[in-house]
Amino acid sequence: MNRRLALKTASYGVLHVLVATTIAYMLTGNAAAAAGIGLIEPIVQTGVFAIHERLWETAATKPDVGRPGVMARAARACCLRIDSLLTDDDTSRAHAA
């Protein structure tokens, strides 16, 4: 892992812990639970971020960047799935009202 990526990942991790702990405390009102949630989730997510960043860096260095590749197809599939979830959720909310 290069130095810039390591520093970026570490700073993101610290920020994520602070945000997650604050939100967990606001939701639970329990400092111990907030600390647990605020530490576990960001640690996992920070590792995932490093992998995600590495995949994007690798995809950007490919000579055929303009051609839809694995990353582009995955991103498109993810967006379509999110759109369908939002649409399904909006529809079910409308029927419940």
PDB file of N, CA and C in Angstrom:
ATOM      1  N   MET A   1       0.870  -1.174   0.000  1.00  0.00           N
ATOM      2  CA  MET A   1       0.000   0.000   0.000  1.00  0.00           C
ATOM      3  C   MET A   1       0.911   1.229   0.000  1.00  0.00           C
ATOM      4  N   ASN A   2       0.643   2.164  -0.902  1.00  0.00           N
ATOM      5  CA  ASN A   2       1.498   3.353  -0.940  1.00  0.00           C
ATOM      6  C   ASN A   2       1.210   4.285   0.235  1.00  0.00           C
ATOM      7  N   ARG A   3       2.134   5.196   0.497  1.00  0.00           N
ATOM      8  CA  ARG A   3       2.048   6.075   1.672  1.00  0.00           C
ATOM      9  C   ARG A   3       0.798   6.948   1.652  1.00  0.00           C
ATOM     10  N   ARG A   4       0.475   7.524   0.494  1.00  0.00           N
ATOM     11  CA  ARG A   4      -0.699   8.404   0.392  1.00  0.00           C
ATOM     12  C   ARG A   4      -1.977   7.634   0.706  1.00  0.00           C
ATOM     13  N   LEU A   5      -2.099   6.446   0.149  1.00  0.00           N
ATOM     14  CA  LEU A   5      -3.281   5.629   0.399  1.00  0.00           C
ATOM     15  C   LEU A   5      -3.371   5.237   1.869  1.00  0.00           C
ATOM     16  N   ALA A   6      -2.228   4.906   2.487  1.00  0.00           N
ATOM     17  CA  ALA A   6      -2.232   4.536   3.902  1.00  0.00           C
ATOM     18  C   ALA A   6      -2.673   5.716   4.777  1.00  0.00           C
ATOM     19  N   LEU A   7      -2.155   6.912   4.492  1.00  0.00           N
ATOM     20  CA  LEU A   7      -2.553   8.095   5.265  1.00  0.00           C
ATOM     21  C   LEU A   7      -4.019   8.441   5.041  1.00  0.00           C
ATOM     22  N   LYS A   8      -4.464   8.341   3.798  1.00  0.00           N
ATOM     23  CA  LYS A   8      -5.862   8.632   3.469  1.00  0.00           C
ATOM     24  C   LYS A   8      -6.783   7.641   4.193  1.00  0.00           C
ATOM     25  N   THR A   9      -6.406   6.388   4.191  1.00  0.00           N
ATOM     26  CA  THR A   9      -7.207   5.359   4.855  1.00  0.00           C
ATOM     27  C   THR A   9      -7.243   5.582   6.360  1.00  0.00           C
ATOM     28  N   ALA A  10      -6.106   5.923   6.952  1.00  0.00           N
ATOM     29  CA  ALA A  10      -6.055   6.164   8.401  1.00  0.00           C
ATOM     30  C   ALA A  10      -6.895   7.385   8.793  1.00  0.00           C
ATOM     31  N   SER A  11      -6.789   8.473   8.033  1.00  0.00           N
ATOM     32  CA  SER A  11      -7.571   9.662   8.384  1.00  0.00           C
ATOM     33  C   SER A  11      -9.061   9.400   8.208  1.00  0.00           C
ATOM     34  N   TYR A  12      -9.417   8.654   7.173  1.00  0.00           N
ATOM     35  CA  TYR A  12     -10.812   8.277   6.968  1.00  0.00           C
ATOM     36  C   TYR A  12     -11.296   7.420   8.140  1.00  0.00           C
ATOM     37  N   GLY A  13     -10.447   6.510   8.598  1.00  0.00           N
ATOM     38  CA  GLY A  13     -10.815   5.643   9.720  1.00  0.00           C
ATOM     39  C   GLY A  13     -11.075   6.413  10.995  1.00  0.00           C
ATOM     40  N   VAL A  14     -10.218   7.369  11.314  1.00  0.00           N
ATOM     41  CA  VAL A  14     -10.400   8.190  12.522  1.00  0.00           C
ATOM     42  C   VAL A  14     -11.701   8.991  12.424  1.00  0.00           C
ATOM     43  N   LEU A  15     -11.916   9.621  11.288  1.00  0.00           N
ATOM     44  CA  LEU A  15     -13.141  10.398  11.081  1.00  0.00           C
ATOM     45  C   LEU A  15     -14.376   9.501  11.192  1.00  0.00           C
ATOM     46  N   HIS A  16     -14.288   8.326  10.612  1.00  0.00           N
ATOM     47  CA  HIS A  16     -15.407   7.386  10.629  1.00  0.00           C
ATOM     48  C   HIS A  16     -15.732   6.948  12.065  1.00  0.00           C
ATOM     49  N   VAL A  17     -14.706   6.675  12.869  1.00  0.00           N
ATOM     50  CA  VAL A  17     -14.926   6.284  14.269  1.00  0.00           C
ATOM     51  C   VAL A  17     -15.647   7.406  15.015  1.00  0.00           C
ATOM     52  N   LEU A  18     -15.198   8.630  14.821  1.00  0.00           N
ATOM     53  CA  LEU A  18     -15.829   9.767  15.506  1.00  0.00           C
ATOM     54  C   LEU A  18     -17.293   9.930  15.094  1.00  0.00           C
ATOM     55  N   VAL A  19     -17.562   9.860  13.814  1.00  0.00           N
ATOM     56  CA  VAL A  19     -18.941  10.014  13.329  1.00  0.00           C
ATOM     57  C   VAL A  19     -19.817   8.856  13.805  1.00  0.00           C
ATOM     58  N   ALA A  20     -19.325   7.628  13.659  1.00  0.00           N
ATOM     59  CA  ALA A  20     -20.114   6.455  14.052  1.00  0.00           C
ATOM     60  C   ALA A  20     -20.406   6.458  15.553  1.00  0.00           C
ATOM     61  N   THR A  21     -19.409   6.808  16.369  1.00  0.00           N
ATOM     62  CA  THR A  21     -19.613   6.852  17.819  1.00  0.00           C
ATOM     63  C   THR A  21     -20.622   7.922  18.195  1.00  0.00           C
ATOM     64  N   THR A  22     -20.510   9.086  17.583  1.00  0.00           N
ATOM     65  CA  THR A  22     -21.442  10.177  17.871  1.00  0.00           C
ATOM     66  C   THR A  22     -22.872   9.794  17.507  1.00  0.00           C
ATOM     67  N   ILE A  23     -23.050   9.235  16.319  1.00  0.00           N
ATOM     68  CA  ILE A  23     -24.398   8.843  15.888  1.00  0.00           C
ATOM     69  C   ILE A  23     -24.936   7.719  16.768  1.00  0.00           C
ATOM     70  N   ALA A  24     -24.096   6.737  17.084  1.00  0.00           N
ATOM     71  CA  ALA A  24     -24.534   5.633  17.947  1.00  0.00           C
ATOM     72  C   ALA A  24     -24.949   6.158  19.323  1.00  0.00           C
ATOM     73  N   TYR A  25     -24.209   7.124  19.854  1.00  0.00           N
ATOM     74  CA  TYR A  25     -24.562   7.695  21.156  1.00  0.00           C
ATOM     75  C   TYR A  25     -25.881   8.462  21.062  1.00  0.00           C
ATOM     76  N   MET A  26     -26.057   9.216  19.982  1.00  0.00           N
ATOM     77  CA  MET A  26     -27.303   9.967  19.804  1.00  0.00           C
ATOM     78  C   MET A  26     -28.503   9.017  19.707  1.00  0.00           C
ATOM     79  N   LEU A  27     -28.313   7.857  19.118  1.00  0.00           N
ATOM     80  CA  LEU A  27     -29.414   6.897  18.964  1.00  0.00           C
ATOM     81  C   LEU A  27     -29.671   6.080  20.227  1.00  0.00           C
ATOM     82  N   THR A  28     -28.597   5.721  20.931  1.00  0.00           N
ATOM     83  CA  THR A  28     -28.769   4.827  22.083  1.00  0.00           C
ATOM     84  C   THR A  28     -28.748   5.549  23.429  1.00  0.00           C
ATOM     85  N   GLY A  29     -28.035   6.671  23.515  1.00  0.00           N
ATOM     86  CA  GLY A  29     -27.868   7.344  24.794  1.00  0.00           C
ATOM     87  C   GLY A  29     -26.968   6.574  25.748  1.00  0.00           C
ATOM     88  N   ASN A  30     -26.317   5.539  25.236  1.00  0.00           N
ATOM     89  CA  ASN A  30     -25.473   4.671  26.050  1.00  0.00           C
ATOM     90  C   ASN A  30     -24.036   4.782  25.546  1.00  0.00           C
ATOM     91  N   ALA A  31     -23.137   5.306  26.383  1.00  0.00           N
ATOM     92  CA  ALA A  31     -21.752   5.536  25.976  1.00  0.00           C
ATOM     93  C   ALA A  31     -21.017   4.237  25.658  1.00  0.00           C
ATOM     94  N   ALA A  32     -21.260   3.187  26.436  1.00  0.00           N
ATOM     95  CA  ALA A  32     -20.574   1.910  26.199  1.00  0.00           C
ATOM     96  C   ALA A  32     -21.006   1.295  24.869  1.00  0.00           C
ATOM     97  N   ALA A  33     -22.298   1.290  24.621  1.00  0.00           N
ATOM     98  CA  ALA A  33     -22.796   0.752  23.353  1.00  0.00           C
ATOM     99  C   ALA A  33     -22.298   1.593  22.180  1.00  0.00           C
ATOM    100  N   ALA A  34     -22.304   2.900  22.359  1.00  0.00           N
ATOM    101  CA  ALA A  34     -21.837   3.801  21.298  1.00  0.00           C
ATOM    102  C   ALA A  34     -20.367   3.548  20.992  1.00  0.00           C
ATOM    103  N   ALA A  35     -19.563   3.331  22.014  1.00  0.00           N
ATOM    104  CA  ALA A  35     -18.137   3.059  21.802  1.00  0.00           C
ATOM    105  C   ALA A  35     -17.941   1.743  21.057  1.00  0.00           C
ATOM    106  N   GLY A  36     -18.707   0.728  21.424  1.00  0.00           N
ATOM    107  CA  GLY A  36     -18.609  -0.559  20.736  1.00  0.00           C
ATOM    108  C   GLY A  36     -18.987  -0.458  19.269  1.00  0.00           C
ATOM    109  N   ILE A  37     -20.125   0.134  19.018  1.00  0.00           N
ATOM    110  CA  ILE A  37     -20.591   0.314  17.635  1.00  0.00           C
ATOM    111  C   ILE A  37     -19.622   1.224  16.888  1.00  0.00           C
ATOM    112  N   GLY A  38     -19.208   2.283  17.558  1.00  0.00           N
ATOM    113  CA  GLY A  38     -18.347   3.277  16.926  1.00  0.00           C
ATOM    114  C   GLY A  38     -16.961   2.761  16.591  1.00  0.00           C
ATOM    115  N   LEU A  39     -16.531   1.688  17.207  1.00  0.00           N
ATOM    116  CA  LEU A  39     -15.224   1.115  16.913  1.00  0.00           C
ATOM    117  C   LEU A  39     -15.289  -0.057  15.936  1.00  0.00           C
ATOM    118  N   ILE A  40     -16.220  -0.954  16.127  1.00  0.00           N
ATOM    119  CA  ILE A  40     -16.279  -2.163  15.301  1.00  0.00           C
ATOM    120  C   ILE A  40     -16.614  -1.850  13.842  1.00  0.00           C
ATOM    121  N   GLU A  41     -17.689  -1.125  13.620  1.00  0.00           N
ATOM    122  CA  GLU A  41     -18.121  -0.861  12.251  1.00  0.00           C
ATOM    123  C   GLU A  41     -17.072  -0.098  11.436  1.00  0.00           C
ATOM    124  N   PRO A  42     -16.490   0.983  11.945  1.00  0.00           N
ATOM    125  CA  PRO A  42     -15.492   1.707  11.156  1.00  0.00           C
ATOM    126  C   PRO A  42     -14.209   0.915  10.886  1.00  0.00           C
ATOM    127  N   ILE A  43     -13.812   0.057  11.809  1.00  0.00           N
ATOM    128  CA  ILE A  43     -12.617  -0.755  11.578  1.00  0.00           C
ATOM    129  C   ILE A  43     -12.837  -1.647  10.364  1.00  0.00           C
ATOM    130  N   VAL A  44     -13.978  -2.300  10.313  1.00  0.00           N
ATOM    131  CA  VAL A  44     -14.306  -3.146   9.159  1.00  0.00           C
ATOM    132  C   VAL A  44     -14.424  -2.295   7.897  1.00  0.00           C
ATOM    133  N   GLN A  45     -15.147  -1.198   7.992  1.00  0.00           N
ATOM    134  CA  GLN A  45     -15.375  -0.339   6.829  1.00  0.00           C
ATOM    135  C   GLN A  45     -14.081   0.276   6.306  1.00  0.00           C
ATOM    136  N   THR A  46     -13.133   0.589   7.177  1.00  0.00           N
ATOM    137  CA  THR A  46     -11.857   1.157   6.751  1.00  0.00           C
ATOM    138  C   THR A  46     -11.071   0.147   5.914  1.00  0.00           C
ATOM    139  N   GLY A  47     -11.092  -1.096   6.318  1.00  0.00           N
ATOM    140  CA  GLY A  47     -10.446  -2.142   5.517  1.00  0.00           C
ATOM    141  C   GLY A  47     -11.106  -2.293   4.161  1.00  0.00           C
ATOM    142  N   VAL A  48     -12.425  -2.251   4.151  1.00  0.00           N
ATOM    143  CA  VAL A  48     -13.165  -2.341   2.893  1.00  0.00           C
ATOM    144  C   VAL A  48     -12.840  -1.132   2.007  1.00  0.00           C
ATOM    145  N   PHE A  49     -12.720   0.040   2.620  1.00  0.00           N
ATOM    146  CA  PHE A  49     -12.373   1.247   1.859  1.00  0.00           C
ATOM    147  C   PHE A  49     -11.022   1.087   1.170  1.00  0.00           C
ATOM    148  N   ALA A  50     -10.032   0.551   1.871  1.00  0.00           N
ATOM    149  CA  ALA A  50      -8.706   0.370   1.283  1.00  0.00           C
ATOM    150  C   ALA A  50      -8.760  -0.564   0.075  1.00  0.00           C
ATOM    151  N   ILE A  51      -9.523  -1.633   0.199  1.00  0.00           N
ATOM    152  CA  ILE A  51      -9.678  -2.568  -0.924  1.00  0.00           C
ATOM    153  C   ILE A  51     -10.399  -1.877  -2.079  1.00  0.00           C
ATOM    154  N   HIS A  52     -11.459  -1.169  -1.778  1.00  0.00           N
ATOM    155  CA  HIS A  52     -12.233  -0.449  -2.788  1.00  0.00           C
ATOM    156  C   HIS A  52     -11.351   0.565  -3.519  1.00  0.00           C
ATOM    157  N   GLU A  53     -10.571   1.324  -2.770  1.00  0.00           N
ATOM    158  CA  GLU A  53      -9.680   2.336  -3.360  1.00  0.00           C
ATOM    159  C   GLU A  53      -8.648   1.675  -4.267  1.00  0.00           C
ATOM    160  N   ARG A  54      -8.102   0.556  -3.839  1.00  0.00           N
ATOM    161  CA  ARG A  54      -7.104  -0.168  -4.624  1.00  0.00           C
ATOM    162  C   ARG A  54      -7.710  -0.662  -5.942  1.00  0.00           C
ATOM    163  N   LEU A  55      -8.936  -1.177  -5.881  1.00  0.00           N
ATOM    164  CA  LEU A  55      -9.607  -1.636  -7.106  1.00  0.00           C
ATOM    165  C   LEU A  55      -9.809  -0.484  -8.078  1.00  0.00           C
ATOM    166  N   TRP A  56     -10.221   0.674  -7.575  1.00  0.00           N
ATOM    167  CA  TRP A  56     -10.426   1.827  -8.441  1.00  0.00           C
ATOM    168  C   TRP A  56      -9.108   2.320  -9.026  1.00  0.00           C
ATOM    169  N   GLU A  57      -8.032   2.317  -8.234  1.00  0.00           N
ATOM    170  CA  GLU A  57      -6.727   2.725  -8.748  1.00  0.00           C
ATOM    171  C   GLU A  57      -6.266   1.772  -9.841  1.00  0.00           C
ATOM    172  N   THR A  58      -6.478   0.472  -9.631  1.00  0.00           N
ATOM    173  CA  THR A  58      -6.092  -0.528 -10.611  1.00  0.00           C
ATOM    174  C   THR A  58      -6.899  -0.356 -11.898  1.00  0.00           C
ATOM    175  N   ALA A  59      -8.195  -0.133 -11.759  1.00  0.00           N
ATOM    176  CA  ALA A  59      -9.051   0.051 -12.939  1.00  0.00           C
ATOM    177  C   ALA A  59      -8.648   1.294 -13.726  1.00  0.00           C
ATOM    178  N   ALA A  60      -8.222   2.332 -13.027  1.00  0.00           N
ATOM    179  CA  ALA A  60      -7.844   3.587 -13.697  1.00  0.00           C
ATOM    180  C   ALA A  60      -6.556   3.442 -14.490  1.00  0.00           C
ATOM    181  N   THR A  61      -5.717   2.479 -14.169  1.00  0.00           N
ATOM    182  CA  THR A  61      -4.444   2.315 -14.876  1.00  0.00           C
ATOM    183  C   THR A  61      -4.546   1.371 -16.073  1.00  0.00           C
ATOM    184  N   LYS A  62      -5.693   0.784 -16.280  1.00  0.00           N
ATOM    185  CA  LYS A  62      -5.871  -0.124 -17.414  1.00  0.00           C
ATOM    186  C   LYS A  62      -5.886   0.670 -18.712  1.00  0.00           C
ATOM    187  N   PRO A  63      -5.298   0.134 -19.774  1.00  0.00           N
ATOM    188  CA  PRO A  63      -5.256   0.871 -21.040  1.00  0.00           C
ATOM    189  C   PRO A  63      -6.617   1.045 -21.703  1.00  0.00           C
ATOM    190  N   ASP A  64      -7.567   0.190 -21.400  1.00  0.00           N
ATOM    191  CA  ASP A  64      -8.892   0.269 -22.034  1.00  0.00           C
ATOM    192  C   ASP A  64      -9.925   0.874 -21.093  1.00  0.00           C
ATOM    193  N   VAL A  65      -9.544   1.965 -20.413  1.00  0.00           N
ATOM    194  CA  VAL A  65     -10.412   2.599 -19.419  1.00  0.00           C
ATOM    195  C   VAL A  65     -11.745   3.011 -20.029  1.00  0.00           C
ATOM    196  N   GLY A  66     -11.744   3.445 -21.299  1.00  0.00           N
ATOM    197  CA  GLY A  66     -12.977   3.895 -21.930  1.00  0.00           C
ATOM    198  C   GLY A  66     -13.988   2.781 -22.165  1.00  0.00           C
ATOM    199  N   ARG A  67     -13.527   1.550 -22.211  1.00  0.00           N
ATOM    200  CA  ARG A  67     -14.414   0.413 -22.450  1.00  0.00           C
ATOM    201  C   ARG A  67     -15.027  -0.045 -21.138  1.00  0.00           C
ATOM    202  N   PRO A  68     -16.349  -0.222 -21.107  1.00  0.00           N
ATOM    203  CA  PRO A  68     -16.966  -0.675 -19.845  1.00  0.00           C
ATOM    204  C   PRO A  68     -16.352  -1.994 -19.395  1.00  0.00           C
ATOM    205  N   GLY A  69     -15.788  -1.988 -18.211  1.00  0.00           N
ATOM    206  CA  GLY A  69     -15.152  -3.185 -17.673  1.00  0.00           C
ATOM    207  C   GLY A  69     -15.889  -3.686 -16.451  1.00  0.00           C
ATOM    208  N   VAL A  70     -15.204  -4.458 -15.693  1.00  0.00           N
ATOM    209  CA  VAL A  70     -15.798  -5.070 -14.504  1.00  0.00           C
ATOM    210  C   VAL A  70     -16.284  -4.008 -13.528  1.00  0.00           C
ATOM    211  N   MET A  71     -15.464  -2.983 -13.272  1.00  0.00           N
ATOM    212  CA  MET A  71     -15.856  -1.944 -12.317  1.00  0.00           C
ATOM    213  C   MET A  71     -17.079  -1.185 -12.805  1.00  0.00           C
ATOM    214  N   ALA A  72     -17.105  -0.868 -14.097  1.00  0.00           N
ATOM    215  CA  ALA A  72     -18.242  -0.120 -14.636  1.00  0.00           C
ATOM    216  C   ALA A  72     -19.517  -0.955 -14.550  1.00  0.00           C
ATOM    217  N   ARG A  73     -19.414  -2.233 -14.900  1.00  0.00           N
ATOM    218  CA  ARG A  73     -20.600  -3.107 -14.822  1.00  0.00           C
ATOM    219  C   ARG A  73     -21.060  -3.268 -13.377  1.00  0.00           C
ATOM    220  N   ALA A  74     -20.111  -3.412 -12.458  1.00  0.00           N
ATOM    221  CA  ALA A  74     -20.471  -3.550 -11.044  1.00  0.00           C
ATOM    222  C   ALA A  74     -21.134  -2.279 -10.524  1.00  0.00           C
ATOM    223  N   ALA A  75     -20.592  -1.133 -10.892  1.00  0.00           N
ATOM    224  CA  ALA A  75     -21.178   0.135 -10.448  1.00  0.00           C
ATOM    225  C   ALA A  75     -22.574   0.309 -11.017  1.00  0.00           C
ATOM    226  N   ARG A  76     -22.757  -0.026 -12.285  1.00  0.00           N
ATOM    227  CA  ARG A  76     -24.067   0.098 -12.919  1.00  0.00           C
ATOM    228  C   ARG A  76     -25.069  -0.846 -12.252  1.00  0.00           C
ATOM    229  N   ALA A  77     -24.662  -2.078 -11.981  1.00  0.00           N
ATOM    230  CA  ALA A  77     -25.549  -3.044 -11.327  1.00  0.00           C
ATOM    231  C   ALA A  77     -25.929  -2.579  -9.929  1.00  0.00           C
ATOM    232  N   CYS A  78     -24.951  -2.022  -9.222  1.00  0.00           N
ATOM    233  CA  CYS A  78     -25.217  -1.515  -7.872  1.00  0.00           C
ATOM    234  C   CYS A  78     -26.226  -0.372  -7.918  1.00  0.00           C
ATOM    235  N   CYS A  79     -26.039   0.557  -8.852  1.00  0.00           N
ATOM    236  CA  CYS A  79     -26.961   1.693  -8.976  1.00  0.00           C
ATOM    237  C   CYS A  79     -28.357   1.227  -9.350  1.00  0.00           C
ATOM    238  N   LEU A  80     -28.450   0.256 -10.255  1.00  0.00           N
ATOM    239  CA  LEU A  80     -29.762  -0.266 -10.648  1.00  0.00           C
ATOM    240  C   LEU A  80     -30.448  -0.930  -9.460  1.00  0.00           C
ATOM    241  N   ARG A  81     -29.681  -1.661  -8.664  1.00  0.00           N
ATOM    242  CA  ARG A  81     -30.242  -2.330  -7.486  1.00  0.00           C
ATOM    243  C   ARG A  81     -30.733  -1.292  -6.477  1.00  0.00           C
ATOM    244  N   ILE A  82     -29.943  -0.262  -6.248  1.00  0.00           N
ATOM    245  CA  ILE A  82     -30.348   0.796  -5.318  1.00  0.00           C
ATOM    246  C   ILE A  82     -31.610   1.479  -5.825  1.00  0.00           C
ATOM    247  N   ASP A  83     -31.646   1.776  -7.138  1.00  0.00           N
ATOM    248  CA  ASP A  83     -32.838   2.394  -7.713  1.00  0.00           C
ATOM    249  C   ASP A  83     -34.071   1.517  -7.506  1.00  0.00           C
ATOM    250  N   SER A  84     -33.914   0.207  -7.723  1.00  0.00           N
ATOM    251  CA  SER A  84     -35.074  -0.678  -7.570  1.00  0.00           C
ATOM    252  C   SER A  84     -35.512  -0.749  -6.110  1.00  0.00           C
ATOM    253  N   LEU A  85     -34.557  -0.734  -5.181  1.00  0.00           N
ATOM    254  CA  LEU A  85     -34.916  -0.748  -3.758  1.00  0.00           C
ATOM    255  C   LEU A  85     -35.652   0.524  -3.374  1.00  0.00           C
ATOM    256  N   LEU A  86     -35.162   1.655  -3.865  1.00  0.00           N
ATOM    257  CA  LEU A  86     -35.819   2.924  -3.554  1.00  0.00           C
ATOM    258  C   LEU A  86     -37.209   2.973  -4.171  1.00  0.00           C
ATOM    259  N   THR A  87     -37.318   2.508  -5.387  1.00  0.00           N
ATOM    260  CA  THR A  87     -38.620   2.509  -6.056  1.00  0.00           C
ATOM    261  C   THR A  87     -39.591   1.589  -5.339  1.00  0.00           C
ATOM    262  N   ASP A  88     -39.140   0.383  -4.978  1.00  0.00           N
ATOM    263  CA  ASP A  88     -39.988  -0.563  -4.245  1.00  0.00           C
ATOM    264  C   ASP A  88     -40.395   0.022  -2.911  1.00  0.00           C
ATOM    265  N   ASP A  89     -39.444   0.653  -2.220  1.00  0.00           N
ATOM    266  CA  ASP A  89     -39.716   1.227  -0.903  1.00  0.00           C
ATOM    267  C   ASP A  89     -40.704   2.395  -1.024  1.00  0.00           C
ATOM    268  N   ASP A  90     -40.512   3.255  -2.035  1.00  0.00           N
ATOM    269  CA  ASP A  90     -41.409   4.388  -2.243  1.00  0.00           C
ATOM    270  C   ASP A  90     -42.814   3.896  -2.570  1.00  0.00           C
ATOM    271  N   THR A  91     -42.906   2.830  -3.375  1.00  0.00           N
ATOM    272  CA  THR A  91     -44.203   2.287  -3.753  1.00  0.00           C
ATOM    273  C   THR A  91     -44.916   1.697  -2.536  1.00  0.00           C
ATOM    274  N   SER A  92     -44.180   0.936  -1.717  1.00  0.00           N
ATOM    275  CA  SER A  92     -44.819   0.327  -0.542  1.00  0.00           C
ATOM    276  C   SER A  92     -45.230   1.387   0.466  1.00  0.00           C
ATOM    277  N   ARG A  93     -44.447   2.469   0.576  1.00  0.00           N
ATOM    278  CA  ARG A  93     -44.824   3.562   1.470  1.00  0.00           C
ATOM    279  C   ARG A  93     -46.085   4.246   0.978  1.00  0.00           C
ATOM    280  N   ALA A  94     -46.194   4.403  -0.324  1.00  0.00           N
ATOM    281  CA  ALA A  94     -47.369   5.074  -0.893  1.00  0.00           C
ATOM    282  C   ALA A  94     -48.628   4.242  -0.650  1.00  0.00           C
ATOM    283  N   HIS A  95     -48.489   2.907  -0.763  1.00  0.00           N
ATOM    284  CA  HIS A  95     -49.642   2.030  -0.530  1.00  0.00           C
ATOM    285  C   HIS A  95     -50.011   1.987   0.951  1.00  0.00           C
ATOM    286  N   ALA A  96     -49.038   2.153   1.833  1.00  0.00           N
ATOM    287  CA  ALA A  96     -49.320   2.103   3.272  1.00  0.00           C
ATOM    288  C   ALA A  96     -50.014   3.380   3.759  1.00  0.00           C
ATOM    289  N   ALA A  97     -49.821   4.463   3.032  1.00  0.00           N
ATOM    290  CA  ALA A  97     -50.389   5.754   3.470  1.00  0.00           C
ATOM    291  C   ALA A  97     -51.871   5.876   3.223  1.00  0.00           C
TER     292      ALA A  97
END
